């Protein structure tokens, strides 16, 4: 299913969304926030606008703040933004790489 702008959560099946949240341990891959009590969102590592897909290997769990900040930026540009804030971007890259390589559990 193709995703369109401002479509809300209808672009992905609920069970797949929840499986990605579980895969990522309900934590934001960018800031490591525990999303048990916060709004969790899915972020496209490679934005749809730049050719990214809705495949699980391109989706990660993100807090609303990080997802909004990243928007449609390429990952490299967003990583520079995080680095400017003092975030260990090598750790973030490892987290993303490990998460997107794991298979989803149903």
PDB file of N, CA and C in Angstrom:
ATOM      1  N   UNK A   1       0.845  -1.178   0.000  1.00  0.00           N
ATOM      2  CA  UNK A   1       0.000   0.000   0.000  1.00  0.00           C
ATOM      3  C   UNK A   1       0.890   1.241   0.000  1.00  0.00           C
ATOM      4  N   UNK A   2       0.666   2.123  -0.917  1.00  0.00           N
ATOM      5  CA  UNK A   2       1.440   3.356  -0.989  1.00  0.00           C
ATOM      6  C   UNK A   2       0.981   4.327   0.086  1.00  0.00           C
ATOM      7  N   UNK A   3       1.901   5.083   0.603  1.00  0.00           N
ATOM      8  CA  UNK A   3       1.579   6.052   1.650  1.00  0.00           C
ATOM      9  C   UNK A   3       1.436   7.423   1.015  1.00  0.00           C
ATOM     10  N   UNK A   4       0.419   8.130   1.456  1.00  0.00           N
ATOM     11  CA  UNK A   4       0.253   9.502   1.003  1.00  0.00           C
ATOM     12  C   UNK A   4       0.351  10.420   2.198  1.00  0.00           C
ATOM     13  N   UNK A   5       0.685  11.655   1.956  1.00  0.00           N
ATOM     14  CA  UNK A   5       0.880  12.647   3.007  1.00  0.00           C
ATOM     15  C   UNK A   5      -0.392  12.829   3.829  1.00  0.00           C
ATOM     16  N   UNK A   6      -0.218  12.997   5.154  1.00  0.00           N
ATOM     17  CA  UNK A   6      -1.320  13.248   6.086  1.00  0.00           C
ATOM     18  C   UNK A   6      -2.372  12.144   6.074  1.00  0.00           C
ATOM     19  N   UNK A   7      -1.940  10.917   5.917  1.00  0.00           N
ATOM     20  CA  UNK A   7      -2.845   9.784   5.853  1.00  0.00           C
ATOM     21  C   UNK A   7      -3.059   9.160   7.229  1.00  0.00           C
ATOM     22  N   UNK A   8      -2.335   9.612   8.234  1.00  0.00           N
ATOM     23  CA  UNK A   8      -2.473   9.015   9.552  1.00  0.00           C
ATOM     24  C   UNK A   8      -1.903   7.618   9.579  1.00  0.00           C
ATOM     25  N   UNK A   9      -2.517   6.747  10.352  1.00  0.00           N
ATOM     26  CA  UNK A   9      -1.990   5.391  10.518  1.00  0.00           C
ATOM     27  C   UNK A   9      -2.594   4.400   9.530  1.00  0.00           C
ATOM     28  N   UNK A  10      -3.371   4.837   8.577  1.00  0.00           N
ATOM     29  CA  UNK A  10      -4.069   3.928   7.666  1.00  0.00           C
ATOM     30  C   UNK A  10      -3.177   3.331   6.590  1.00  0.00           C
ATOM     31  N   UNK A  11      -1.937   3.794   6.472  1.00  0.00           N
ATOM     32  CA  UNK A  11      -1.056   3.308   5.418  1.00  0.00           C
ATOM     33  C   UNK A  11      -0.382   1.986   5.771  1.00  0.00           C
ATOM     34  N   UNK A  12      -0.558   1.510   6.998  1.00  0.00           N
ATOM     35  CA  UNK A  12       0.079   0.264   7.427  1.00  0.00           C
ATOM     36  C   UNK A  12      -0.900  -0.519   8.306  1.00  0.00           C
ATOM     37  N   UNK A  13      -0.874  -1.835   8.162  1.00  0.00           N
ATOM     38  CA  UNK A  13      -1.756  -2.665   8.985  1.00  0.00           C
ATOM     39  C   UNK A  13      -1.347  -2.562  10.459  1.00  0.00           C
ATOM     40  N   UNK A  14      -2.335  -2.580  11.316  1.00  0.00           N
ATOM     41  CA  UNK A  14      -2.110  -2.423  12.752  1.00  0.00           C
ATOM     42  C   UNK A  14      -1.148  -3.492  13.287  1.00  0.00           C
ATOM     43  N   UNK A  15      -1.307  -4.738  12.863  1.00  0.00           N
ATOM     44  CA  UNK A  15      -0.446  -5.805  13.384  1.00  0.00           C
ATOM     45  C   UNK A  15       1.014  -5.620  12.956  1.00  0.00           C
ATOM     46  N   UNK A  16       1.243  -5.080  11.766  1.00  0.00           N
ATOM     47  CA  UNK A  16       2.621  -4.822  11.323  1.00  0.00           C
ATOM     48  C   UNK A  16       3.214  -3.665  12.120  1.00  0.00           C
ATOM     49  N   UNK A  17       2.419  -2.611  12.354  1.00  0.00           N
ATOM     50  CA  UNK A  17       2.863  -1.472  13.158  1.00  0.00           C
ATOM     51  C   UNK A  17       3.288  -1.949  14.550  1.00  0.00           C
ATOM     52  N   UNK A  18       2.453  -2.752  15.183  1.00  0.00           N
ATOM     53  CA  UNK A  18       2.759  -3.235  16.530  1.00  0.00           C
ATOM     54  C   UNK A  18       3.986  -4.149  16.537  1.00  0.00           C
ATOM     55  N   UNK A  19       4.148  -4.952  15.488  1.00  0.00           N
ATOM     56  CA  UNK A  19       5.323  -5.831  15.395  1.00  0.00           C
ATOM     57  C   UNK A  19       6.608  -5.005  15.289  1.00  0.00           C
ATOM     58  N   UNK A  20       6.558  -3.883  14.585  1.00  0.00           N
ATOM     59  CA  UNK A  20       7.739  -3.013  14.483  1.00  0.00           C
ATOM     60  C   UNK A  20       8.026  -2.362  15.827  1.00  0.00           C
ATOM     61  N   UNK A  21       6.988  -1.919  16.528  1.00  0.00           N
ATOM     62  CA  UNK A  21       7.193  -1.353  17.864  1.00  0.00           C
ATOM     63  C   UNK A  21       7.847  -2.396  18.782  1.00  0.00           C
ATOM     64  N   UNK A  22       7.362  -3.651  18.718  1.00  0.00           N
ATOM     65  CA  UNK A  22       7.950  -4.723  19.541  1.00  0.00           C
ATOM     66  C   UNK A  22       9.404  -4.972  19.140  1.00  0.00           C
ATOM     67  N   UNK A  23       9.662  -5.051  17.835  1.00  0.00           N
ATOM     68  CA  UNK A  23      11.021  -5.289  17.343  1.00  0.00           C
ATOM     69  C   UNK A  23      11.990  -4.248  17.898  1.00  0.00           C
ATOM     70  N   UNK A  24      11.528  -2.999  17.975  1.00  0.00           N
ATOM     71  CA  UNK A  24      12.371  -1.888  18.432  1.00  0.00           C
ATOM     72  C   UNK A  24      12.253  -1.657  19.935  1.00  0.00           C
ATOM     73  N   UNK A  25      11.644  -2.613  20.631  1.00  0.00           N
ATOM     74  CA  UNK A  25      11.525  -2.585  22.095  1.00  0.00           C
ATOM     75  C   UNK A  25      10.804  -1.329  22.598  1.00  0.00           C
ATOM     76  N   UNK A  26       9.866  -0.843  21.810  1.00  0.00           N
ATOM     77  CA  UNK A  26       9.067   0.337  22.184  1.00  0.00           C
ATOM     78  C   UNK A  26       9.943   1.527  22.574  1.00  0.00           C
ATOM     79  N   UNK A  27      11.064   1.696  21.860  1.00  0.00           N
ATOM     80  CA  UNK A  27      11.981   2.806  22.116  1.00  0.00           C
ATOM     81  C   UNK A  27      12.234   3.560  20.829  1.00  0.00           C
ATOM     82  N   UNK A  28      12.432   4.850  20.944  1.00  0.00           N
ATOM     83  CA  UNK A  28      12.786   5.669  19.789  1.00  0.00           C
ATOM     84  C   UNK A  28      14.211   5.318  19.375  1.00  0.00           C
ATOM     85  N   UNK A  29      14.407   4.982  18.109  1.00  0.00           N
ATOM     86  CA  UNK A  29      15.753   4.613  17.652  1.00  0.00           C
ATOM     87  C   UNK A  29      16.689   5.811  17.616  1.00  0.00           C
ATOM     88  N   UNK A  30      16.151   7.020  17.606  1.00  0.00           N
ATOM     89  CA  UNK A  30      16.973   8.216  17.512  1.00  0.00           C
ATOM     90  C   UNK A  30      17.409   8.754  18.873  1.00  0.00           C
ATOM     91  N   UNK A  31      16.481   8.846  19.822  1.00  0.00           N
ATOM     92  CA  UNK A  31      16.823   9.433  21.129  1.00  0.00           C
ATOM     93  C   UNK A  31      16.737   8.427  22.271  1.00  0.00           C
ATOM     94  N   UNK A  32      16.348   7.198  21.980  1.00  0.00           N
ATOM     95  CA  UNK A  32      16.262   6.106  22.949  1.00  0.00           C
ATOM     96  C   UNK A  32      15.174   6.318  24.004  1.00  0.00           C
ATOM     97  N   UNK A  33      14.217   7.199  23.738  1.00  0.00           N
ATOM     98  CA  UNK A  33      13.121   7.417  24.689  1.00  0.00           C
ATOM     99  C   UNK A  33      12.263   6.162  24.787  1.00  0.00           C
ATOM    100  N   UNK A  34      11.848   5.840  26.014  1.00  0.00           N
ATOM    101  CA  UNK A  34      10.922   4.742  26.249  1.00  0.00           C
ATOM    102  C   UNK A  34       9.537   5.238  25.855  1.00  0.00           C
ATOM    103  N   UNK A  35       8.921   4.578  24.893  1.00  0.00           N
ATOM    104  CA  UNK A  35       7.653   5.058  24.356  1.00  0.00           C
ATOM    105  C   UNK A  35       6.444   4.345  24.941  1.00  0.00           C
ATOM    106  N   UNK A  36       6.641   3.687  26.089  1.00  0.00           N
ATOM    107  CA  UNK A  36       5.517   3.017  26.733  1.00  0.00           C
ATOM    108  C   UNK A  36       4.433   4.014  27.136  1.00  0.00           C
ATOM    109  N   UNK A  37       4.839   5.212  27.517  1.00  0.00           N
ATOM    110  CA  UNK A  37       3.876   6.223  27.968  1.00  0.00           C
ATOM    111  C   UNK A  37       3.838   7.446  27.058  1.00  0.00           C
ATOM    112  N   UNK A  38       4.498   7.395  25.917  1.00  0.00           N
ATOM    113  CA  UNK A  38       4.520   8.519  24.983  1.00  0.00           C
ATOM    114  C   UNK A  38       3.961   8.075  23.644  1.00  0.00           C
ATOM    115  N   UNK A  39       3.756   9.026  22.774  1.00  0.00           N
ATOM    116  CA  UNK A  39       3.259   8.716  21.433  1.00  0.00           C
ATOM    117  C   UNK A  39       4.382   8.091  20.612  1.00  0.00           C
ATOM    118  N   UNK A  40       4.137   6.874  20.157  1.00  0.00           N
ATOM    119  CA  UNK A  40       5.093   6.193  19.285  1.00  0.00           C
ATOM    120  C   UNK A  40       4.632   6.377  17.843  1.00  0.00           C
ATOM    121  N   UNK A  41       5.586   6.585  16.966  1.00  0.00           N
ATOM    122  CA  UNK A  41       5.287   6.707  15.539  1.00  0.00           C
ATOM    123  C   UNK A  41       6.240   5.815  14.768  1.00  0.00           C
ATOM    124  N   UNK A  42       5.947   5.624  13.516  1.00  0.00           N
ATOM    125  CA  UNK A  42       6.873   4.922  12.632  1.00  0.00           C
ATOM    126  C   UNK A  42       7.526   5.945  11.724  1.00  0.00           C
ATOM    127  N   UNK A  43       8.824   5.768  11.523  1.00  0.00           N
ATOM    128  CA  UNK A  43       9.557   6.662  10.645  1.00  0.00           C
ATOM    129  C   UNK A  43      10.157   5.851   9.509  1.00  0.00           C
ATOM    130  N   UNK A  44      10.117   6.419   8.326  1.00  0.00           N
ATOM    131  CA  UNK A  44      10.781   5.821   7.174  1.00  0.00           C
ATOM    132  C   UNK A  44      12.242   6.244   7.222  1.00  0.00           C
ATOM    133  N   UNK A  45      13.163   5.287   7.333  1.00  0.00           N
ATOM    134  CA  UNK A  45      14.594   5.590   7.355  1.00  0.00           C
ATOM    135  C   UNK A  45      14.951   6.355   6.082  1.00  0.00           C
ATOM    136  N   UNK A  46      14.554   5.812   4.946  1.00  0.00           N
ATOM    137  CA  UNK A  46      14.656   6.533   3.681  1.00  0.00           C
ATOM    138  C   UNK A  46      13.249   7.055   3.409  1.00  0.00           C
ATOM    139  N   UNK A  47      13.054   8.371   3.465  1.00  0.00           N
ATOM    140  CA  UNK A  47      11.710   8.927   3.288  1.00  0.00           C
ATOM    141  C   UNK A  47      11.061   8.502   1.966  1.00  0.00           C
ATOM    142  N   UNK A  48       9.755   8.365   1.986  1.00  0.00           N
ATOM    143  CA  UNK A  48       9.015   8.014   0.764  1.00  0.00           C
ATOM    144  C   UNK A  48       9.313   8.995  -0.351  1.00  0.00           C
ATOM    145  N   UNK A  49       9.450  10.260   0.017  1.00  0.00           N
ATOM    146  CA  UNK A  49       9.730  11.301  -0.981  1.00  0.00           C
ATOM    147  C   UNK A  49      11.069  11.085  -1.682  1.00  0.00           C
ATOM    148  N   UNK A  50      11.946  10.294  -1.050  1.00  0.00           N
ATOM    149  CA  UNK A  50      13.262  10.025  -1.632  1.00  0.00           C
ATOM    150  C   UNK A  50      13.372   8.584  -2.126  1.00  0.00           C
ATOM    151  N   UNK A  51      12.222   7.931  -2.295  1.00  0.00           N
ATOM    152  CA  UNK A  51      12.205   6.580  -2.844  1.00  0.00           C
ATOM    153  C   UNK A  51      12.091   5.467  -1.825  1.00  0.00           C
ATOM    154  N   UNK A  52      11.926   5.796  -0.552  1.00  0.00           N
ATOM    155  CA  UNK A  52      11.785   4.775   0.485  1.00  0.00           C
ATOM    156  C   UNK A  52      10.466   4.032   0.370  1.00  0.00           C
ATOM    157  N   UNK A  53      10.459   2.830   0.909  1.00  0.00           N
ATOM    158  CA  UNK A  53       9.267   1.984   0.837  1.00  0.00           C
ATOM    159  C   UNK A  53       8.658   1.800   2.230  1.00  0.00           C
ATOM    160  N   UNK A  54       7.530   1.112   2.252  1.00  0.00           N
ATOM    161  CA  UNK A  54       6.877   0.769   3.512  1.00  0.00           C
ATOM    162  C   UNK A  54       7.321  -0.592   4.026  1.00  0.00           C
ATOM    163  N   UNK A  55       8.396  -1.127   3.478  1.00  0.00           N
ATOM    164  CA  UNK A  55       8.895  -2.426   3.936  1.00  0.00           C
ATOM    165  C   UNK A  55       9.441  -2.290   5.360  1.00  0.00           C
ATOM    166  N   UNK A  56       9.300  -3.329   6.127  1.00  0.00           N
ATOM    167  CA  UNK A  56       9.742  -3.313   7.528  1.00  0.00           C
ATOM    168  C   UNK A  56      11.219  -2.951   7.684  1.00  0.00           C
ATOM    169  N   UNK A  57      12.016  -3.222   6.680  1.00  0.00           N
ATOM    170  CA  UNK A  57      13.445  -2.895   6.751  1.00  0.00           C
ATOM    171  C   UNK A  57      13.705  -1.400   6.565  1.00  0.00           C
ATOM    172  N   UNK A  58      12.662  -0.639   6.229  1.00  0.00           N
ATOM    173  CA  UNK A  58      12.802   0.810   6.073  1.00  0.00           C
ATOM    174  C   UNK A  58      11.997   1.563   7.136  1.00  0.00           C
ATOM    175  N   UNK A  59      11.414   0.839   8.077  1.00  0.00           N
ATOM    176  CA  UNK A  59      10.586   1.465   9.108  1.00  0.00           C
ATOM    177  C   UNK A  59      11.190   1.248  10.486  1.00  0.00           C
ATOM    178  N   UNK A  60      11.210   2.307  11.278  1.00  0.00           N
ATOM    179  CA  UNK A  60      11.700   2.227  12.654  1.00  0.00           C
ATOM    180  C   UNK A  60      10.752   2.986  13.576  1.00  0.00           C
ATOM    181  N   UNK A  61      10.815   2.641  14.846  1.00  0.00           N
ATOM    182  CA  UNK A  61      10.022   3.321  15.855  1.00  0.00           C
ATOM    183  C   UNK A  61      10.701   4.634  16.222  1.00  0.00           C
ATOM    184  N   UNK A  62       9.907   5.688  16.298  1.00  0.00           N
ATOM    185  CA  UNK A  62      10.437   7.008  16.653  1.00  0.00           C
ATOM    186  C   UNK A  62       9.425   7.742  17.520  1.00  0.00           C
ATOM    187  N   UNK A  63       9.929   8.552  18.423  1.00  0.00           N
ATOM    188  CA  UNK A  63       9.027   9.406  19.192  1.00  0.00           C
ATOM    189  C   UNK A  63       8.502  10.483  18.245  1.00  0.00           C
ATOM    190  N   UNK A  64       7.413  11.094  18.626  1.00  0.00           N
ATOM    191  CA  UNK A  64       6.801  12.113  17.780  1.00  0.00           C
ATOM    192  C   UNK A  64       7.760  13.275  17.530  1.00  0.00           C
ATOM    193  N   UNK A  65       8.521  13.656  18.546  1.00  0.00           N
ATOM    194  CA  UNK A  65       9.453  14.772  18.405  1.00  0.00           C
ATOM    195  C   UNK A  65      10.540  14.473  17.374  1.00  0.00           C
ATOM    196  N   UNK A  66      11.185  13.302  17.475  1.00  0.00           N
ATOM    197  CA  UNK A  66      12.241  12.945  16.519  1.00  0.00           C
ATOM    198  C   UNK A  66      11.679  12.772  15.116  1.00  0.00           C
ATOM    199  N   UNK A  67      10.516  12.125  15.000  1.00  0.00           N
ATOM    200  CA  UNK A  67       9.921  11.911  13.687  1.00  0.00           C
ATOM    201  C   UNK A  67       9.577  13.248  13.036  1.00  0.00           C
ATOM    202  N   UNK A  68       9.041  14.171  13.817  1.00  0.00           N
ATOM    203  CA  UNK A  68       8.709  15.491  13.282  1.00  0.00           C
ATOM    204  C   UNK A  68       9.970  16.254  12.887  1.00  0.00           C
ATOM    205  N   UNK A  69      11.014  16.117  13.696  1.00  0.00           N
ATOM    206  CA  UNK A  69      12.274  16.807  13.387  1.00  0.00           C
ATOM    207  C   UNK A  69      12.919  16.250  12.126  1.00  0.00           C
ATOM    208  N   UNK A  70      12.873  14.940  11.966  1.00  0.00           N
ATOM    209  CA  UNK A  70      13.485  14.321  10.790  1.00  0.00           C
ATOM    210  C   UNK A  70      12.683  14.638   9.543  1.00  0.00           C
ATOM    211  N   UNK A  71      11.368  14.583   9.649  1.00  0.00           N
ATOM    212  CA  UNK A  71      10.487  14.870   8.521  1.00  0.00           C
ATOM    213  C   UNK A  71      10.951  14.071   7.305  1.00  0.00           C
ATOM    214  N   UNK A  72      11.174  14.718   6.177  1.00  0.00           N
ATOM    215  CA  UNK A  72      11.591  14.011   4.957  1.00  0.00           C
ATOM    216  C   UNK A  72      13.079  14.185   4.692  1.00  0.00           C
ATOM    217  N   UNK A  73      13.840  14.514   5.744  1.00  0.00           N
ATOM    218  CA  UNK A  73      15.288  14.665   5.574  1.00  0.00           C
ATOM    219  C   UNK A  73      15.935  13.316   5.284  1.00  0.00           C
ATOM    220  N   UNK A  74      16.956  13.306   4.462  1.00  0.00           N
ATOM    221  CA  UNK A  74      17.752  12.090   4.332  1.00  0.00           C
ATOM    222  C   UNK A  74      18.388  11.782   5.694  1.00  0.00           C
ATOM    223  N   UNK A  75      18.602  10.516   5.970  1.00  0.00           N
ATOM    224  CA  UNK A  75      19.148  10.111   7.264  1.00  0.00           C
ATOM    225  C   UNK A  75      20.470  10.820   7.559  1.00  0.00           C
ATOM    226  N   UNK A  76      21.317  10.981   6.555  1.00  0.00           N
ATOM    227  CA  UNK A  76      22.620  11.617   6.781  1.00  0.00           C
ATOM    228  C   UNK A  76      22.472  13.054   7.292  1.00  0.00           C
ATOM    229  N   UNK A  77      21.513  13.780   6.760  1.00  0.00           N
ATOM    230  CA  UNK A  77      21.298  15.170   7.205  1.00  0.00           C
ATOM    231  C   UNK A  77      20.721  15.201   8.619  1.00  0.00           C
ATOM    232  N   UNK A  78      19.806  14.284   8.909  1.00  0.00           N
ATOM    233  CA  UNK A  78      19.234  14.240  10.246  1.00  0.00           C
ATOM    234  C   UNK A  78      20.299  13.830  11.270  1.00  0.00           C
ATOM    235  N   UNK A  79      21.174  12.927  10.878  1.00  0.00           N
ATOM    236  CA  UNK A  79      22.261  12.516  11.774  1.00  0.00           C
ATOM    237  C   UNK A  79      23.160  13.703  12.091  1.00  0.00           C
ATOM    238  N   UNK A  80      23.394  14.563  11.127  1.00  0.00           N
ATOM    239  CA  UNK A  80      24.201  15.758  11.383  1.00  0.00           C
ATOM    240  C   UNK A  80      23.503  16.657  12.404  1.00  0.00           C
ATOM    241  N   UNK A  81      22.196  16.776  12.297  1.00  0.00           N
ATOM    242  CA  UNK A  81      21.416  17.551  13.266  1.00  0.00           C
ATOM    243  C   UNK A  81      21.571  16.959  14.664  1.00  0.00           C
ATOM    244  N   UNK A  82      21.492  15.623  14.746  1.00  0.00           N
ATOM    245  CA  UNK A  82      21.663  14.960  16.048  1.00  0.00           C
ATOM    246  C   UNK A  82      23.077  15.160  16.573  1.00  0.00           C
ATOM    247  N   UNK A  83      24.068  15.037  15.699  1.00  0.00           N
ATOM    248  CA  UNK A  83      25.461  15.220  16.109  1.00  0.00           C
ATOM    249  C   UNK A  83      25.683  16.625  16.648  1.00  0.00           C
ATOM    250  N   UNK A  84      25.060  17.608  16.024  1.00  0.00           N
ATOM    251  CA  UNK A  84      25.176  18.995  16.487  1.00  0.00           C
ATOM    252  C   UNK A  84      24.598  19.173  17.888  1.00  0.00           C
ATOM    253  N   UNK A  85      23.698  18.270  18.269  1.00  0.00           N
ATOM    254  CA  UNK A  85      23.090  18.309  19.608  1.00  0.00           C
ATOM    255  C   UNK A  85      23.859  17.444  20.603  1.00  0.00           C
ATOM    256  N   UNK A  86      24.968  16.847  20.143  1.00  0.00           N
ATOM    257  CA  UNK A  86      25.793  16.040  21.025  1.00  0.00           C
ATOM    258  C   UNK A  86      25.405  14.575  21.120  1.00  0.00           C
ATOM    259  N   UNK A  87      24.535  14.117  20.240  1.00  0.00           N
ATOM    260  CA  UNK A  87      24.097  12.721  20.243  1.00  0.00           C
ATOM    261  C   UNK A  87      25.181  11.855  19.603  1.00  0.00           C
ATOM    262  N   UNK A  88      25.384  10.665  20.163  1.00  0.00           N
ATOM    263  CA  UNK A  88      26.329   9.696  19.607  1.00  0.00           C
ATOM    264  C   UNK A  88      25.686   9.058  18.371  1.00  0.00           C
ATOM    265  N   UNK A  89      25.944   9.626  17.209  1.00  0.00           N
ATOM    266  CA  UNK A  89      25.277   9.154  15.998  1.00  0.00           C
ATOM    267  C   UNK A  89      25.753   7.773  15.560  1.00  0.00           C
ATOM    268  N   UNK A  90      26.952   7.377  15.949  1.00  0.00           N
ATOM    269  CA  UNK A  90      27.400   6.015  15.633  1.00  0.00           C
ATOM    270  C   UNK A  90      26.514   5.001  16.351  1.00  0.00           C
ATOM    271  N   UNK A  91      26.149   5.296  17.591  1.00  0.00           N
ATOM    272  CA  UNK A  91      25.246   4.414  18.348  1.00  0.00           C
ATOM    273  C   UNK A  91      23.861   4.394  17.703  1.00  0.00           C
ATOM    274  N   UNK A  92      23.408   5.541  17.243  1.00  0.00           N
ATOM    275  CA  UNK A  92      22.102   5.614  16.578  1.00  0.00           C
ATOM    276  C   UNK A  92      22.134   4.793  15.292  1.00  0.00           C
ATOM    277  N   UNK A  93      23.192   4.922  14.521  1.00  0.00           N
ATOM    278  CA  UNK A  93      23.315   4.135  13.275  1.00  0.00           C
ATOM    279  C   UNK A  93      23.305   2.638  13.570  1.00  0.00           C
ATOM    280  N   UNK A  94      24.017   2.222  14.614  1.00  0.00           N
ATOM    281  CA  UNK A  94      24.028   0.796  14.990  1.00  0.00           C
ATOM    282  C   UNK A  94      22.635   0.337  15.382  1.00  0.00           C
ATOM    283  N   UNK A  95      21.934   1.158  16.154  1.00  0.00           N
ATOM    284  CA  UNK A  95      20.575   0.805  16.585  1.00  0.00           C
ATOM    285  C   UNK A  95      19.664   0.629  15.376  1.00  0.00           C
ATOM    286  N   UNK A  96      19.739   1.556  14.444  1.00  0.00           N
ATOM    287  CA  UNK A  96      18.907   1.473  13.241  1.00  0.00           C
ATOM    288  C   UNK A  96      19.271   0.237  12.427  1.00  0.00           C
ATOM    289  N   UNK A  97      20.561   0.022  12.216  1.00  0.00           N
ATOM    290  CA  UNK A  97      21.013  -1.135  11.430  1.00  0.00           C
ATOM    291  C   UNK A  97      20.551  -2.444  12.074  1.00  0.00           C
ATOM    292  N   UNK A  98      20.722  -2.572  13.388  1.00  0.00           N
ATOM    293  CA  UNK A  98      20.309  -3.793  14.080  1.00  0.00           C
ATOM    294  C   UNK A  98      18.798  -3.990  14.022  1.00  0.00           C
ATOM    295  N   UNK A  99      18.051  -2.915  14.219  1.00  0.00           N
ATOM    296  CA  UNK A  99      16.589  -3.021  14.212  1.00  0.00           C
ATOM    297  C   UNK A  99      16.073  -3.417  12.836  1.00  0.00           C
ATOM    298  N   UNK A 100      16.561  -2.776  11.805  1.00  0.00           N
ATOM    299  CA  UNK A 100      16.015  -3.026  10.478  1.00  0.00           C
ATOM    300  C   UNK A 100      16.443  -4.372   9.900  1.00  0.00           C
ATOM    301  N   UNK A 101      17.427  -4.987  10.495  1.00  0.00           N
ATOM    302  CA  UNK A 101      17.848  -6.330  10.042  1.00  0.00           C
ATOM    303  C   UNK A 101      17.075  -7.449  10.723  1.00  0.00           C
ATOM    304  N   UNK A 102      16.449  -7.146  11.873  1.00  0.00           N
ATOM    305  CA  UNK A 102      15.695  -8.165  12.605  1.00  0.00           C
ATOM    306  C   UNK A 102      14.375  -8.447  11.936  1.00  0.00           C
ATOM    307  N   UNK A 103      13.989  -9.698  11.944  1.00  0.00           N
ATOM    308  CA  UNK A 103      12.692 -10.101  11.410  1.00  0.00           C
ATOM    309  C   UNK A 103      11.606  -9.755  12.431  1.00  0.00           C
ATOM    310  N   UNK A 104      10.434  -9.449  11.918  1.00  0.00           N
ATOM    311  CA  UNK A 104       9.306  -9.153  12.803  1.00  0.00           C
ATOM    312  C   UNK A 104       8.720 -10.447  13.348  1.00  0.00           C
ATOM    313  N   UNK A 105       8.252 -10.388  14.584  1.00  0.00           N
ATOM    314  CA  UNK A 105       7.546 -11.511  15.175  1.00  0.00           C
ATOM    315  C   UNK A 105       6.072 -11.158  15.233  1.00  0.00           C
ATOM    316  N   UNK A 106       5.276 -12.112  14.998  1.00  0.00           N
ATOM    317  CA  UNK A 106       3.817 -11.866  14.967  1.00  0.00           C
ATOM    318  C   UNK A 106       3.203 -12.000  16.328  1.00  0.00           C
TER     319      UNK A 106
END
